[in-house]
Amino acid sequence: MNLKSKNGITIIALIITIILMLILAGVGMHYSENAIDKAKLEDIKTDMISIKTKAKIVAEQYNFKDIENLVGTQLDQNAESEGIQLGAYTIPNELKTILESENESKIDVSKLYVWTKDDLNSQGLNKIDVNEKQFYIVYYNLKDTNACEIYYSQGFQGEYSLSALQDT
């Protein structure tokens, strides 16, 4: 008669179980990170679309002379190497490069405006939060209000404009 009892699990079975659980946890974390990134992107795009909708209305009213000024604080194009500046707002170098390169090709820098918290509130966009690091820049295209563009100062995976983010 064999006195050895086969109760319990072996060390090998325990190690295999732990390894399988770690693999499943790693896969789950990967997919949850992707889901979080997609949710952040959708939040940014939703905010930008809301701002673009309001900016188009402002541009159309401006064109029809229903208002005197465009909403927002105008960005200044400095002739020196500092590039595009706006008071306390720090524009990231990547976004400066994009705005300056677009200035050379198709946009009029005099139509770039930062929408501050007050501007967003005045347009009924109270839920969108902005500060000196996270803010939105509106490009008013007065010739074609559908071509207005919105830029996000923080960007998302290297993209800063609404049209670029909609392509991702």
N, C-alpha and C. Protein backbone atom coordinates (compact mmCIF):
# COMPACT_ATOMS: atom_id res chain seq x y z
N MET A 1 0.81 -1.16 0.00
CA MET A 1 0.00 0.00 0.00
C MET A 1 0.88 1.25 0.00
N ASN A 2 0.55 2.19 -0.84
CA ASN A 2 1.31 3.42 -0.95
C ASN A 2 0.81 4.40 0.10
N LEU A 3 1.73 4.88 0.92
CA LEU A 3 1.36 5.79 1.99
C LEU A 3 1.32 7.25 1.53
N LYS A 4 1.82 7.52 0.35
CA LYS A 4 1.80 8.91 -0.14
C LYS A 4 0.38 9.30 -0.52
N SER A 5 -0.01 10.46 -0.08
CA SER A 5 -1.34 10.96 -0.39
C SER A 5 -1.22 12.01 -1.48
N LYS A 6 -2.13 12.06 -2.40
CA LYS A 6 -2.09 13.05 -3.49
C LYS A 6 -3.11 14.15 -3.25
N ASN A 7 -3.07 14.72 -2.07
CA ASN A 7 -3.95 15.85 -1.74
C ASN A 7 -3.21 17.15 -2.02
N GLY A 8 -3.90 18.17 -2.51
CA GLY A 8 -3.29 19.47 -2.75
C GLY A 8 -2.78 19.59 -4.17
N ILE A 9 -2.17 20.76 -4.46
CA ILE A 9 -1.65 21.02 -5.81
C ILE A 9 -0.13 21.04 -5.76
N THR A 10 0.45 20.73 -6.88
CA THR A 10 1.91 20.74 -6.95
C THR A 10 2.41 22.15 -7.21
N ILE A 11 3.66 22.34 -6.95
CA ILE A 11 4.30 23.64 -7.17
C ILE A 11 4.24 24.00 -8.66
N ILE A 12 4.39 23.05 -9.54
CA ILE A 12 4.38 23.31 -10.98
C ILE A 12 2.98 23.79 -11.41
N ALA A 13 1.95 23.17 -10.91
CA ALA A 13 0.59 23.60 -11.24
C ALA A 13 0.33 25.01 -10.73
N LEU A 14 0.85 25.35 -9.56
CA LEU A 14 0.69 26.68 -9.00
C LEU A 14 1.41 27.73 -9.86
N ILE A 15 2.62 27.43 -10.29
CA ILE A 15 3.39 28.35 -11.13
C ILE A 15 2.69 28.57 -12.47
N ILE A 16 2.21 27.50 -13.07
CA ILE A 16 1.50 27.62 -14.36
C ILE A 16 0.25 28.47 -14.18
N THR A 17 -0.48 28.30 -13.11
CA THR A 17 -1.68 29.09 -12.84
C THR A 17 -1.33 30.57 -12.69
N ILE A 18 -0.26 30.87 -11.95
CA ILE A 18 0.16 32.26 -11.76
C ILE A 18 0.58 32.89 -13.08
N ILE A 19 1.32 32.15 -13.88
CA ILE A 19 1.76 32.68 -15.19
C ILE A 19 0.55 32.98 -16.08
N LEU A 20 -0.41 32.08 -16.12
CA LEU A 20 -1.62 32.32 -16.92
C LEU A 20 -2.38 33.54 -16.43
N MET A 21 -2.47 33.71 -15.12
CA MET A 21 -3.16 34.88 -14.57
C MET A 21 -2.42 36.17 -14.91
N LEU A 22 -1.10 36.16 -14.88
CA LEU A 22 -0.32 37.35 -15.25
C LEU A 22 -0.50 37.69 -16.73
N ILE A 23 -0.53 36.67 -17.57
CA ILE A 23 -0.75 36.91 -19.01
C ILE A 23 -2.13 37.54 -19.23
N LEU A 24 -3.15 36.99 -18.59
CA LEU A 24 -4.50 37.54 -18.72
C LEU A 24 -4.58 38.97 -18.19
N ALA A 25 -3.92 39.23 -17.08
CA ALA A 25 -3.91 40.59 -16.52
C ALA A 25 -3.21 41.56 -17.47
N GLY A 26 -2.11 41.15 -18.07
CA GLY A 26 -1.39 42.00 -19.02
C GLY A 26 -2.23 42.33 -20.25
N VAL A 27 -2.91 41.33 -20.78
CA VAL A 27 -3.77 41.55 -21.94
C VAL A 27 -4.92 42.48 -21.56
N GLY A 28 -5.51 42.27 -20.40
CA GLY A 28 -6.60 43.13 -19.94
C GLY A 28 -6.16 44.56 -19.76
N MET A 29 -4.97 44.77 -19.21
CA MET A 29 -4.45 46.13 -19.02
C MET A 29 -4.22 46.81 -20.36
N HIS A 30 -3.69 46.07 -21.32
CA HIS A 30 -3.44 46.64 -22.65
C HIS A 30 -4.74 47.15 -23.28
N TYR A 31 -5.77 46.32 -23.23
CA TYR A 31 -7.05 46.73 -23.82
C TYR A 31 -7.71 47.85 -23.05
N SER A 32 -7.54 47.88 -21.74
CA SER A 32 -8.14 48.97 -20.96
C SER A 32 -7.42 50.29 -21.23
N GLU A 33 -6.09 50.25 -21.44
CA GLU A 33 -5.36 51.48 -21.78
C GLU A 33 -5.83 52.02 -23.12
N ASN A 34 -6.04 51.13 -24.09
CA ASN A 34 -6.55 51.57 -25.39
C ASN A 34 -7.93 52.18 -25.26
N ALA A 35 -8.77 51.58 -24.42
CA ALA A 35 -10.12 52.10 -24.21
C ALA A 35 -10.07 53.48 -23.56
N ILE A 36 -9.17 53.66 -22.61
CA ILE A 36 -9.02 54.96 -21.94
C ILE A 36 -8.54 56.01 -22.93
N ASP A 37 -7.54 55.65 -23.77
CA ASP A 37 -7.04 56.59 -24.79
C ASP A 37 -8.15 56.97 -25.76
N LYS A 38 -8.94 56.01 -26.19
CA LYS A 38 -10.04 56.30 -27.11
C LYS A 38 -11.07 57.22 -26.46
N ALA A 39 -11.34 56.99 -25.18
CA ALA A 39 -12.31 57.85 -24.48
C ALA A 39 -11.78 59.28 -24.36
N LYS A 40 -10.49 59.43 -24.06
CA LYS A 40 -9.89 60.77 -23.99
C LYS A 40 -9.96 61.47 -25.34
N LEU A 41 -9.63 60.73 -26.39
CA LEU A 41 -9.69 61.30 -27.74
C LEU A 41 -11.11 61.74 -28.08
N GLU A 42 -12.09 60.93 -27.75
CA GLU A 42 -13.48 61.29 -28.05
C GLU A 42 -13.92 62.52 -27.25
N ASP A 43 -13.46 62.63 -25.99
CA ASP A 43 -13.78 63.83 -25.20
C ASP A 43 -13.19 65.08 -25.84
N ILE A 44 -11.93 65.00 -26.26
CA ILE A 44 -11.25 66.14 -26.90
C ILE A 44 -11.98 66.51 -28.19
N LYS A 45 -12.29 65.51 -29.01
CA LYS A 45 -12.97 65.79 -30.28
C LYS A 45 -14.35 66.39 -30.05
N THR A 46 -15.07 65.89 -29.05
CA THR A 46 -16.40 66.43 -28.75
C THR A 46 -16.31 67.90 -28.35
N ASP A 47 -15.34 68.22 -27.47
CA ASP A 47 -15.15 69.62 -27.08
C ASP A 47 -14.80 70.48 -28.29
N MET A 48 -13.91 69.98 -29.14
CA MET A 48 -13.49 70.75 -30.31
C MET A 48 -14.63 70.95 -31.31
N ILE A 49 -15.46 69.93 -31.48
CA ILE A 49 -16.60 70.06 -32.38
C ILE A 49 -17.59 71.08 -31.84
N SER A 50 -17.81 71.07 -30.53
CA SER A 50 -18.71 72.05 -29.91
C SER A 50 -18.18 73.46 -30.12
N ILE A 51 -16.87 73.64 -29.93
CA ILE A 51 -16.26 74.96 -30.12
C ILE A 51 -16.35 75.38 -31.59
N LYS A 52 -16.10 74.43 -32.50
CA LYS A 52 -16.17 74.76 -33.93
C LYS A 52 -17.58 75.19 -34.32
N THR A 53 -18.58 74.52 -33.79
CA THR A 53 -19.96 74.88 -34.09
C THR A 53 -20.25 76.31 -33.66
N LYS A 54 -19.82 76.65 -32.44
CA LYS A 54 -20.04 78.02 -31.94
C LYS A 54 -19.20 79.02 -32.74
N ALA A 55 -17.97 78.65 -33.10
CA ALA A 55 -17.10 79.55 -33.86
C ALA A 55 -17.69 79.85 -35.24
N LYS A 56 -18.29 78.85 -35.87
CA LYS A 56 -18.94 79.08 -37.16
C LYS A 56 -20.09 80.07 -37.03
N ILE A 57 -20.86 79.95 -35.96
CA ILE A 57 -21.96 80.88 -35.72
C ILE A 57 -21.42 82.30 -35.53
N VAL A 58 -20.34 82.42 -34.74
CA VAL A 58 -19.72 83.73 -34.50
C VAL A 58 -19.22 84.32 -35.82
N ALA A 59 -18.56 83.51 -36.64
CA ALA A 59 -18.02 83.99 -37.92
C ALA A 59 -19.15 84.44 -38.85
N GLU A 60 -20.24 83.68 -38.88
CA GLU A 60 -21.37 84.07 -39.72
C GLU A 60 -22.00 85.36 -39.23
N GLN A 61 -22.14 85.51 -37.91
CA GLN A 61 -22.69 86.76 -37.37
C GLN A 61 -21.75 87.93 -37.68
N TYR A 62 -20.46 87.70 -37.58
CA TYR A 62 -19.47 88.74 -37.88
C TYR A 62 -19.58 89.16 -39.34
N ASN A 63 -19.71 88.17 -40.22
CA ASN A 63 -19.85 88.48 -41.64
C ASN A 63 -21.12 89.26 -41.94
N PHE A 64 -22.18 89.01 -41.19
CA PHE A 64 -23.44 89.72 -41.39
C PHE A 64 -23.51 90.99 -40.55
N LYS A 65 -22.41 91.34 -39.89
CA LYS A 65 -22.30 92.56 -39.09
C LYS A 65 -23.25 92.59 -37.90
N ASP A 66 -23.62 91.39 -37.44
CA ASP A 66 -24.45 91.32 -36.24
C ASP A 66 -23.63 91.54 -34.97
N ILE A 67 -22.30 91.39 -35.09
CA ILE A 67 -21.42 91.65 -33.95
C ILE A 67 -20.21 92.44 -34.46
N GLU A 68 -19.58 93.16 -33.55
CA GLU A 68 -18.43 93.98 -33.94
C GLU A 68 -17.13 93.19 -33.97
N ASN A 69 -16.92 92.31 -32.98
CA ASN A 69 -15.65 91.61 -32.85
C ASN A 69 -15.86 90.11 -32.83
N LEU A 70 -14.81 89.42 -33.23
CA LEU A 70 -14.83 87.96 -33.12
C LEU A 70 -14.62 87.58 -31.66
N VAL A 71 -15.20 86.46 -31.23
CA VAL A 71 -15.08 86.01 -29.85
C VAL A 71 -13.68 85.44 -29.63
N GLY A 72 -13.09 85.76 -28.48
CA GLY A 72 -11.78 85.22 -28.12
C GLY A 72 -10.75 86.32 -27.97
N THR A 73 -9.56 85.90 -27.57
CA THR A 73 -8.43 86.81 -27.43
C THR A 73 -7.49 86.54 -28.59
N GLN A 74 -7.22 87.57 -29.37
CA GLN A 74 -6.44 87.40 -30.59
C GLN A 74 -5.00 87.07 -30.29
N LEU A 75 -4.46 86.11 -31.05
CA LEU A 75 -3.04 85.78 -30.96
C LEU A 75 -2.26 86.81 -31.75
N ASP A 76 -1.08 87.12 -31.27
CA ASP A 76 -0.22 88.08 -31.97
C ASP A 76 0.88 87.33 -32.69
N GLN A 77 1.16 87.73 -33.92
CA GLN A 77 2.28 87.17 -34.65
C GLN A 77 3.46 88.11 -34.43
N ASN A 78 4.41 87.67 -33.65
CA ASN A 78 5.60 88.46 -33.34
C ASN A 78 6.60 88.30 -34.48
N ALA A 79 7.14 89.40 -34.94
CA ALA A 79 8.10 89.35 -36.06
C ALA A 79 9.42 88.72 -35.64
N GLU A 80 9.69 88.67 -34.35
CA GLU A 80 10.93 88.07 -33.89
C GLU A 80 10.81 86.55 -33.86
N SER A 81 11.84 85.89 -33.40
CA SER A 81 11.88 84.43 -33.43
C SER A 81 10.96 83.78 -32.41
N GLU A 82 10.30 84.57 -31.57
CA GLU A 82 9.43 83.99 -30.55
C GLU A 82 8.21 83.32 -31.15
N GLY A 83 7.82 83.71 -32.33
CA GLY A 83 6.68 83.08 -32.98
C GLY A 83 5.36 83.62 -32.47
N ILE A 84 4.38 82.77 -32.40
CA ILE A 84 3.03 83.15 -32.02
C ILE A 84 2.92 83.13 -30.50
N GLN A 85 2.42 84.22 -29.92
CA GLN A 85 2.36 84.37 -28.47
C GLN A 85 0.98 84.85 -28.04
N LEU A 86 0.64 84.58 -26.80
CA LEU A 86 -0.54 85.19 -26.21
C LEU A 86 -0.36 85.24 -24.71
N GLY A 87 0.02 86.40 -24.22
CA GLY A 87 0.12 86.64 -22.78
C GLY A 87 0.56 85.45 -21.96
N ALA A 88 -0.30 85.00 -21.06
CA ALA A 88 0.02 83.91 -20.15
C ALA A 88 -0.06 82.54 -20.82
N TYR A 89 -0.64 82.47 -22.00
CA TYR A 89 -0.80 81.18 -22.65
C TYR A 89 0.51 80.73 -23.27
N THR A 90 0.93 79.54 -22.90
CA THR A 90 2.17 78.97 -23.41
C THR A 90 1.81 78.01 -24.53
N ILE A 91 2.18 78.36 -25.72
CA ILE A 91 1.88 77.53 -26.87
C ILE A 91 3.04 76.55 -27.05
N PRO A 92 2.77 75.24 -27.02
CA PRO A 92 3.84 74.25 -27.20
C PRO A 92 4.56 74.45 -28.54
N ASN A 93 5.84 74.14 -28.56
CA ASN A 93 6.65 74.34 -29.77
C ASN A 93 6.08 73.62 -30.98
N GLU A 94 5.56 72.39 -30.78
CA GLU A 94 5.00 71.64 -31.90
C GLU A 94 3.81 72.37 -32.51
N LEU A 95 2.96 72.94 -31.64
CA LEU A 95 1.80 73.68 -32.13
C LEU A 95 2.24 74.99 -32.79
N LYS A 96 3.26 75.65 -32.24
CA LYS A 96 3.78 76.87 -32.87
C LYS A 96 4.24 76.56 -34.29
N THR A 97 4.96 75.46 -34.43
CA THR A 97 5.47 75.07 -35.75
C THR A 97 4.32 74.84 -36.72
N ILE A 98 3.27 74.16 -36.25
CA ILE A 98 2.12 73.89 -37.11
C ILE A 98 1.44 75.19 -37.51
N LEU A 99 1.20 76.07 -36.54
CA LEU A 99 0.52 77.34 -36.84
C LEU A 99 1.36 78.21 -37.77
N GLU A 100 2.67 78.26 -37.54
CA GLU A 100 3.54 79.07 -38.40
C GLU A 100 3.62 78.50 -39.80
N SER A 101 3.66 77.17 -39.94
CA SER A 101 3.72 76.57 -41.27
C SER A 101 2.39 76.76 -42.01
N GLU A 102 1.28 76.67 -41.27
CA GLU A 102 -0.02 76.90 -41.91
C GLU A 102 -0.18 78.37 -42.28
N ASN A 103 0.45 79.26 -41.49
CA ASN A 103 0.40 80.69 -41.81
C ASN A 103 1.03 80.94 -43.17
N GLU A 104 2.12 80.21 -43.46
CA GLU A 104 2.79 80.39 -44.75
C GLU A 104 1.95 79.87 -45.91
N SER A 105 1.07 78.90 -45.62
CA SER A 105 0.34 78.30 -46.72
C SER A 105 -1.11 78.80 -46.87
N LYS A 106 -1.89 78.75 -45.80
CA LYS A 106 -3.31 79.00 -46.05
C LYS A 106 -4.05 79.80 -45.00
N ILE A 107 -3.52 79.96 -43.79
CA ILE A 107 -4.32 80.65 -42.78
C ILE A 107 -3.77 82.04 -42.49
N ASP A 108 -4.67 82.90 -42.07
CA ASP A 108 -4.34 84.27 -41.71
C ASP A 108 -4.21 84.32 -40.19
N VAL A 109 -2.98 84.51 -39.69
CA VAL A 109 -2.72 84.48 -38.24
C VAL A 109 -3.54 85.52 -37.50
N SER A 110 -3.92 86.58 -38.18
CA SER A 110 -4.73 87.60 -37.50
C SER A 110 -6.13 87.07 -37.15
N LYS A 111 -6.48 85.92 -37.67
CA LYS A 111 -7.78 85.32 -37.38
C LYS A 111 -7.66 84.16 -36.38
N LEU A 112 -6.53 84.07 -35.66
CA LEU A 112 -6.35 83.06 -34.61
C LEU A 112 -6.70 83.67 -33.27
N TYR A 113 -7.61 83.02 -32.55
CA TYR A 113 -8.07 83.52 -31.26
C TYR A 113 -8.07 82.38 -30.24
N VAL A 114 -7.60 82.70 -29.02
CA VAL A 114 -7.72 81.75 -27.91
C VAL A 114 -9.07 82.01 -27.26
N TRP A 115 -9.80 80.94 -27.04
CA TRP A 115 -11.05 81.06 -26.30
C TRP A 115 -10.75 80.79 -24.83
N THR A 116 -10.88 81.83 -24.02
CA THR A 116 -10.66 81.71 -22.58
C THR A 116 -11.91 81.11 -21.93
N LYS A 117 -11.83 80.88 -20.64
CA LYS A 117 -12.98 80.35 -19.91
C LYS A 117 -14.18 81.29 -20.05
N ASP A 118 -13.94 82.59 -19.99
CA ASP A 118 -15.04 83.56 -20.15
C ASP A 118 -15.67 83.46 -21.54
N ASP A 119 -14.83 83.28 -22.56
CA ASP A 119 -15.35 83.15 -23.93
C ASP A 119 -16.20 81.90 -24.07
N LEU A 120 -15.71 80.79 -23.53
CA LEU A 120 -16.48 79.55 -23.59
C LEU A 120 -17.80 79.69 -22.85
N ASN A 121 -17.75 80.31 -21.67
CA ASN A 121 -18.98 80.52 -20.90
C ASN A 121 -19.97 81.39 -21.66
N SER A 122 -19.47 82.45 -22.32
CA SER A 122 -20.37 83.34 -23.06
C SER A 122 -21.02 82.64 -24.25
N GLN A 123 -20.39 81.56 -24.72
CA GLN A 123 -20.95 80.80 -25.84
C GLN A 123 -21.74 79.57 -25.38
N GLY A 124 -21.92 79.45 -24.06
CA GLY A 124 -22.70 78.34 -23.52
C GLY A 124 -21.93 77.04 -23.40
N LEU A 125 -20.62 77.12 -23.41
CA LEU A 125 -19.78 75.93 -23.31
C LEU A 125 -19.12 75.86 -21.94
N ASN A 126 -19.93 75.90 -20.90
CA ASN A 126 -19.44 75.97 -19.52
C ASN A 126 -18.67 74.73 -19.09
N LYS A 127 -18.95 73.60 -19.68
CA LYS A 127 -18.35 72.35 -19.23
C LYS A 127 -16.93 72.13 -19.76
N ILE A 128 -16.52 72.94 -20.72
CA ILE A 128 -15.16 72.80 -21.27
C ILE A 128 -14.21 73.60 -20.40
N ASP A 129 -13.19 72.92 -19.90
CA ASP A 129 -12.24 73.55 -18.98
C ASP A 129 -10.99 73.99 -19.74
N VAL A 130 -10.54 75.21 -19.48
CA VAL A 130 -9.31 75.71 -20.09
C VAL A 130 -8.46 76.39 -19.01
N ASN A 131 -7.15 76.42 -19.25
CA ASN A 131 -6.21 77.16 -18.41
C ASN A 131 -5.02 77.53 -19.29
N GLU A 132 -3.91 77.97 -18.67
CA GLU A 132 -2.77 78.41 -19.47
C GLU A 132 -2.10 77.26 -20.23
N LYS A 133 -2.30 76.02 -19.78
CA LYS A 133 -1.66 74.87 -20.43
C LYS A 133 -2.61 74.11 -21.34
N GLN A 134 -3.88 74.08 -20.98
CA GLN A 134 -4.87 73.37 -21.78
C GLN A 134 -5.90 74.38 -22.27
N PHE A 135 -5.80 74.74 -23.54
CA PHE A 135 -6.72 75.73 -24.10
C PHE A 135 -6.94 75.43 -25.57
N TYR A 136 -7.89 76.13 -26.14
CA TYR A 136 -8.25 75.92 -27.54
C TYR A 136 -8.02 77.21 -28.32
N ILE A 137 -7.52 77.04 -29.53
CA ILE A 137 -7.31 78.17 -30.44
C ILE A 137 -8.29 78.00 -31.59
N VAL A 138 -8.99 79.06 -31.91
CA VAL A 138 -9.97 79.06 -32.99
C VAL A 138 -9.38 79.83 -34.16
N TYR A 139 -9.43 79.23 -35.34
CA TYR A 139 -9.09 79.94 -36.57
C TYR A 139 -10.39 80.25 -37.29
N TYR A 140 -10.69 81.55 -37.38
CA TYR A 140 -11.90 81.99 -38.07
C TYR A 140 -11.58 82.13 -39.55
N ASN A 141 -12.19 81.31 -40.38
CA ASN A 141 -12.10 81.48 -41.82
C ASN A 141 -13.36 82.23 -42.24
N LEU A 142 -13.22 83.54 -42.43
CA LEU A 142 -14.39 84.37 -42.70
C LEU A 142 -14.90 84.23 -44.13
N LYS A 143 -14.07 83.69 -45.02
CA LYS A 143 -14.52 83.48 -46.39
C LYS A 143 -15.36 82.22 -46.51
N ASP A 144 -15.00 81.20 -45.71
CA ASP A 144 -15.74 79.94 -45.71
C ASP A 144 -15.87 79.49 -44.26
N THR A 145 -17.00 79.81 -43.63
CA THR A 145 -17.16 79.52 -42.20
C THR A 145 -17.12 78.03 -41.90
N ASN A 146 -17.39 77.19 -42.89
CA ASN A 146 -17.28 75.74 -42.69
C ASN A 146 -15.82 75.31 -42.54
N ALA A 147 -14.90 76.15 -42.98
CA ALA A 147 -13.48 75.82 -42.92
C ALA A 147 -12.81 76.34 -41.65
N CYS A 148 -13.59 76.81 -40.69
CA CYS A 148 -12.99 77.21 -39.41
C CYS A 148 -12.27 76.01 -38.83
N GLU A 149 -11.17 76.25 -38.13
CA GLU A 149 -10.37 75.16 -37.56
C GLU A 149 -10.17 75.40 -36.07
N ILE A 150 -10.10 74.32 -35.32
CA ILE A 150 -9.89 74.38 -33.88
C ILE A 150 -8.60 73.63 -33.57
N TYR A 151 -7.78 74.22 -32.71
CA TYR A 151 -6.52 73.60 -32.27
C TYR A 151 -6.57 73.42 -30.76
N TYR A 152 -6.06 72.29 -30.30
CA TYR A 152 -5.98 71.99 -28.86
C TYR A 152 -4.52 72.08 -28.44
N SER A 153 -4.24 72.88 -27.42
CA SER A 153 -2.86 73.16 -27.03
C SER A 153 -2.09 71.93 -26.58
N GLN A 154 -2.76 70.94 -26.03
CA GLN A 154 -2.07 69.75 -25.56
C GLN A 154 -1.92 68.70 -26.66
N GLY A 155 -2.74 68.79 -27.65
CA GLY A 155 -2.70 67.80 -28.72
C GLY A 155 -3.06 66.41 -28.21
N PHE A 156 -3.07 65.48 -29.12
CA PHE A 156 -3.30 64.08 -28.77
C PHE A 156 -2.48 63.24 -29.73
N GLN A 157 -1.51 62.56 -29.19
CA GLN A 157 -0.61 61.71 -29.98
C GLN A 157 -0.04 62.46 -31.18
N GLY A 158 0.41 63.70 -30.93
CA GLY A 158 1.08 64.48 -31.96
C GLY A 158 0.17 65.25 -32.90
N GLU A 159 -1.13 65.15 -32.72
CA GLU A 159 -2.08 65.88 -33.57
C GLU A 159 -2.71 66.98 -32.75
N TYR A 160 -2.86 68.17 -33.34
CA TYR A 160 -3.38 69.33 -32.61
C TYR A 160 -4.66 69.90 -33.18
N SER A 161 -4.94 69.69 -34.45
CA SER A 161 -6.12 70.29 -35.06
C SER A 161 -7.28 69.30 -35.07
N LEU A 162 -8.49 69.84 -35.09
CA LEU A 162 -9.67 69.00 -35.12
C LEU A 162 -9.68 68.13 -36.38
N SER A 163 -9.36 68.71 -37.51
CA SER A 163 -9.39 67.92 -38.77
C SER A 163 -8.39 66.76 -38.71
N ALA A 164 -7.23 66.97 -38.10
CA ALA A 164 -6.24 65.89 -37.97
C ALA A 164 -6.73 64.82 -36.99
N LEU A 165 -7.36 65.25 -35.91
CA LEU A 165 -7.85 64.30 -34.92
C LEU A 165 -9.03 63.48 -35.45
N GLN A 166 -9.84 64.09 -36.31
CA GLN A 166 -10.96 63.35 -36.88
C GLN A 166 -10.49 62.27 -37.83
N ASP A 167 -9.29 62.41 -38.36
CA ASP A 167 -8.73 61.39 -39.25
C ASP A 167 -8.14 60.21 -38.50
N THR A 168 -7.95 60.35 -37.15
CA THR A 168 -7.35 59.25 -36.38
C THR A 168 -8.41 58.30 -35.88
